[in-house]
Amino acid sequence: MNINKTAEGSFLKIKVDGRLDTTTAPQLEEELKASLDGVTDLAMDFADLEYISSAGLRVLLSAQKTMNKQGSMKVLNVNETIMEIFDITGFADILTIEN
């Protein structure tokens, strides 16, 4: 998994590619914890995300809870496979998803 961050003022875009699973979720979690101070607008770009596991979903839920307190979070460029996982797990109702 690769994580690319782009910050501009209180806006942060995090592009995640590869697999977000039990092995890589802690890496994203640490990155988010270190980066969300002062961020009011978070965008997660999943254009190149191939797979997300329950561990990855937990990190997303945690980020969403944090951003609910300090601003907003969007998930961008979700492919069919990831969208199906979001639909089945109910995350499609929790997250703001823009394609």
C-alpha atoms as a PDB file:
ATOM      1  CA  MET A   1       0.000   0.000   0.000  1.00  0.00           C
ATOM      2  CA  ASN A   2       1.136   3.533  -0.780  1.00  0.00           C
ATOM      3  CA  ILE A   3      -0.115   6.704   0.890  1.00  0.00           C
ATOM      4  CA  ASN A   4       0.282  10.113  -0.757  1.00  0.00           C
ATOM      5  CA  LYS A   5      -0.724  13.253   1.140  1.00  0.00           C
ATOM      6  CA  THR A   6      -1.515  16.676  -0.269  1.00  0.00           C
ATOM      7  CA  ALA A   7      -2.207  19.443   2.242  1.00  0.00           C
ATOM      8  CA  GLU A   8      -3.415  22.953   1.519  1.00  0.00           C
ATOM      9  CA  GLY A   9      -4.385  25.019   4.544  1.00  0.00           C
ATOM     10  CA  SER A  10      -7.061  23.106   6.442  1.00  0.00           C
ATOM     11  CA  PHE A  11      -7.664  20.750   3.480  1.00  0.00           C
ATOM     12  CA  LEU A  12      -5.977  17.342   3.381  1.00  0.00           C
ATOM     13  CA  LYS A  13      -6.189  14.802   0.564  1.00  0.00           C
ATOM     14  CA  ILE A  14      -4.916  11.292   1.197  1.00  0.00           C
ATOM     15  CA  LYS A  15      -4.559   8.994  -1.803  1.00  0.00           C
ATOM     16  CA  VAL A  16      -4.364   5.324  -0.916  1.00  0.00           C
ATOM     17  CA  ASP A  17      -3.427   2.675  -3.445  1.00  0.00           C
ATOM     18  CA  GLY A  18      -2.933  -1.061  -3.211  1.00  0.00           C
ATOM     19  CA  ARG A  19      -4.541  -3.095  -0.437  1.00  0.00           C
ATOM     20  CA  LEU A  20      -5.921  -1.681   2.796  1.00  0.00           C
ATOM     21  CA  ASP A  21      -5.960  -4.748   5.037  1.00  0.00           C
ATOM     22  CA  THR A  22      -4.811  -6.056   8.427  1.00  0.00           C
ATOM     23  CA  THR A  23      -1.171  -5.575   7.464  1.00  0.00           C
ATOM     24  CA  THR A  24      -1.448  -2.029   6.077  1.00  0.00           C
ATOM     25  CA  ALA A  25      -4.338  -0.512   8.087  1.00  0.00           C
ATOM     26  CA  PRO A  26      -2.075   0.439  11.057  1.00  0.00           C
ATOM     27  CA  GLN A  27       0.113   2.442   8.660  1.00  0.00           C
ATOM     28  CA  LEU A  28      -2.883   4.492   7.447  1.00  0.00           C
ATOM     29  CA  GLU A  29      -4.163   4.859  11.010  1.00  0.00           C
ATOM     30  CA  GLU A  30      -0.821   6.318  12.158  1.00  0.00           C
ATOM     31  CA  GLU A  31      -0.697   8.631   9.144  1.00  0.00           C
ATOM     32  CA  LEU A  32      -4.192   9.937   9.899  1.00  0.00           C
ATOM     33  CA  LYS A  33      -3.479  10.434  13.607  1.00  0.00           C
ATOM     34  CA  ALA A  34      -0.368  12.445  12.751  1.00  0.00           C
ATOM     35  CA  SER A  35      -2.085  14.507  10.046  1.00  0.00           C
ATOM     36  CA  LEU A  36      -5.596  15.474  11.175  1.00  0.00           C
ATOM     37  CA  ASP A  37      -4.739  18.284  13.607  1.00  0.00           C
ATOM     38  CA  GLY A  38      -6.272  21.475  12.218  1.00  0.00           C
ATOM     39  CA  VAL A  39      -7.822  19.709   9.224  1.00  0.00           C
ATOM     40  CA  THR A  40     -11.453  20.655   8.569  1.00  0.00           C
ATOM     41  CA  ASP A  41     -11.809  19.067   5.125  1.00  0.00           C
ATOM     42  CA  LEU A  42     -10.479  15.543   4.529  1.00  0.00           C
ATOM     43  CA  ALA A  43     -10.638  13.770   1.172  1.00  0.00           C
ATOM     44  CA  MET A  44      -9.694  10.105   0.873  1.00  0.00           C
ATOM     45  CA  ASP A  45      -8.891   9.208  -2.757  1.00  0.00           C
ATOM     46  CA  PHE A  46      -9.401   5.505  -3.463  1.00  0.00           C
ATOM     47  CA  ALA A  47      -8.890   5.600  -7.273  1.00  0.00           C
ATOM     48  CA  ASP A  48      -6.135   2.975  -7.019  1.00  0.00           C
ATOM     49  CA  LEU A  49      -7.370   1.042  -3.984  1.00  0.00           C
ATOM     50  CA  GLU A  50      -7.753  -2.626  -4.915  1.00  0.00           C
ATOM     51  CA  TYR A  51      -9.085  -4.112  -1.678  1.00  0.00           C
ATOM     52  CA  ILE A  52     -10.302  -3.073   1.765  1.00  0.00           C
ATOM     53  CA  SER A  53     -10.719  -5.425   4.742  1.00  0.00           C
ATOM     54  CA  SER A  54     -12.559  -4.980   8.024  1.00  0.00           C
ATOM     55  CA  ALA A  55      -9.344  -3.534   9.493  1.00  0.00           C
ATOM     56  CA  GLY A  56      -9.361  -0.886   6.760  1.00  0.00           C
ATOM     57  CA  LEU A  57     -13.049  -0.170   7.373  1.00  0.00           C
ATOM     58  CA  ARG A  58     -12.291   0.353  11.071  1.00  0.00           C
ATOM     59  CA  VAL A  59      -9.650   2.972  10.207  1.00  0.00           C
ATOM     60  CA  LEU A  60     -12.143   4.732   7.906  1.00  0.00           C
ATOM     61  CA  LEU A  61     -14.798   4.728  10.624  1.00  0.00           C
ATOM     62  CA  SER A  62     -12.342   6.171  13.117  1.00  0.00           C
ATOM     63  CA  ALA A  63     -11.359   8.921  10.656  1.00  0.00           C
ATOM     64  CA  GLN A  64     -15.035   9.683  10.003  1.00  0.00           C
ATOM     65  CA  LYS A  65     -15.728  10.017  13.744  1.00  0.00           C
ATOM     66  CA  THR A  66     -12.772  12.381  14.136  1.00  0.00           C
ATOM     67  CA  MET A  67     -13.824  14.486  11.157  1.00  0.00           C
ATOM     68  CA  ASN A  68     -17.447  14.641  12.371  1.00  0.00           C
ATOM     69  CA  LYS A  69     -16.089  16.643  15.324  1.00  0.00           C
ATOM     70  CA  GLN A  70     -13.843  18.991  13.355  1.00  0.00           C
ATOM     71  CA  GLY A  71     -15.162  19.215   9.805  1.00  0.00           C
ATOM     72  CA  SER A  72     -16.056  16.890   6.945  1.00  0.00           C
ATOM     73  CA  MET A  73     -14.690  13.850   5.169  1.00  0.00           C
ATOM     74  CA  LYS A  74     -15.288  12.634   1.614  1.00  0.00           C
ATOM     75  CA  VAL A  75     -14.280   9.381  -0.058  1.00  0.00           C
ATOM     76  CA  LEU A  76     -13.445   9.879  -3.731  1.00  0.00           C
ATOM     77  CA  ASN A  77     -13.080   7.647  -6.800  1.00  0.00           C
ATOM     78  CA  VAL A  78     -14.403   4.398  -5.340  1.00  0.00           C
ATOM     79  CA  ASN A  79     -14.318   1.453  -7.774  1.00  0.00           C
ATOM     80  CA  GLU A  80     -17.101  -1.153  -8.071  1.00  0.00           C
ATOM     81  CA  THR A  81     -15.371  -3.725  -5.858  1.00  0.00           C
ATOM     82  CA  ILE A  82     -14.833  -1.297  -2.961  1.00  0.00           C
ATOM     83  CA  MET A  83     -18.320   0.193  -3.421  1.00  0.00           C
ATOM     84  CA  GLU A  84     -19.826  -3.280  -3.117  1.00  0.00           C
ATOM     85  CA  ILE A  85     -17.999  -3.745   0.204  1.00  0.00           C
ATOM     86  CA  PHE A  86     -19.281  -0.325   1.372  1.00  0.00           C
ATOM     87  CA  ASP A  87     -22.850  -1.302   0.372  1.00  0.00           C
ATOM     88  CA  ILE A  88     -22.772  -4.710   2.075  1.00  0.00           C
ATOM     89  CA  THR A  89     -21.271  -3.354   5.313  1.00  0.00           C
ATOM     90  CA  GLY A  90     -23.524  -0.281   5.479  1.00  0.00           C
ATOM     91  CA  PHE A  91     -20.557   2.076   5.082  1.00  0.00           C
ATOM     92  CA  ALA A  92     -22.232   3.553   1.999  1.00  0.00           C
ATOM     93  CA  ASP A  93     -24.762   5.089   4.427  1.00  0.00           C
ATOM     94  CA  ILE A  94     -22.103   6.404   6.818  1.00  0.00           C
ATOM     95  CA  LEU A  95     -19.546   7.860   4.391  1.00  0.00           C
ATOM     96  CA  THR A  96     -19.880  10.708   1.912  1.00  0.00           C
ATOM     97  CA  ILE A  97     -18.829   9.052  -1.344  1.00  0.00           C
ATOM     98  CA  GLU A  98     -18.183  11.002  -4.542  1.00  0.00           C
ATOM     99  CA  ASN A  99     -17.150   9.395  -7.800  1.00  0.00           C
END
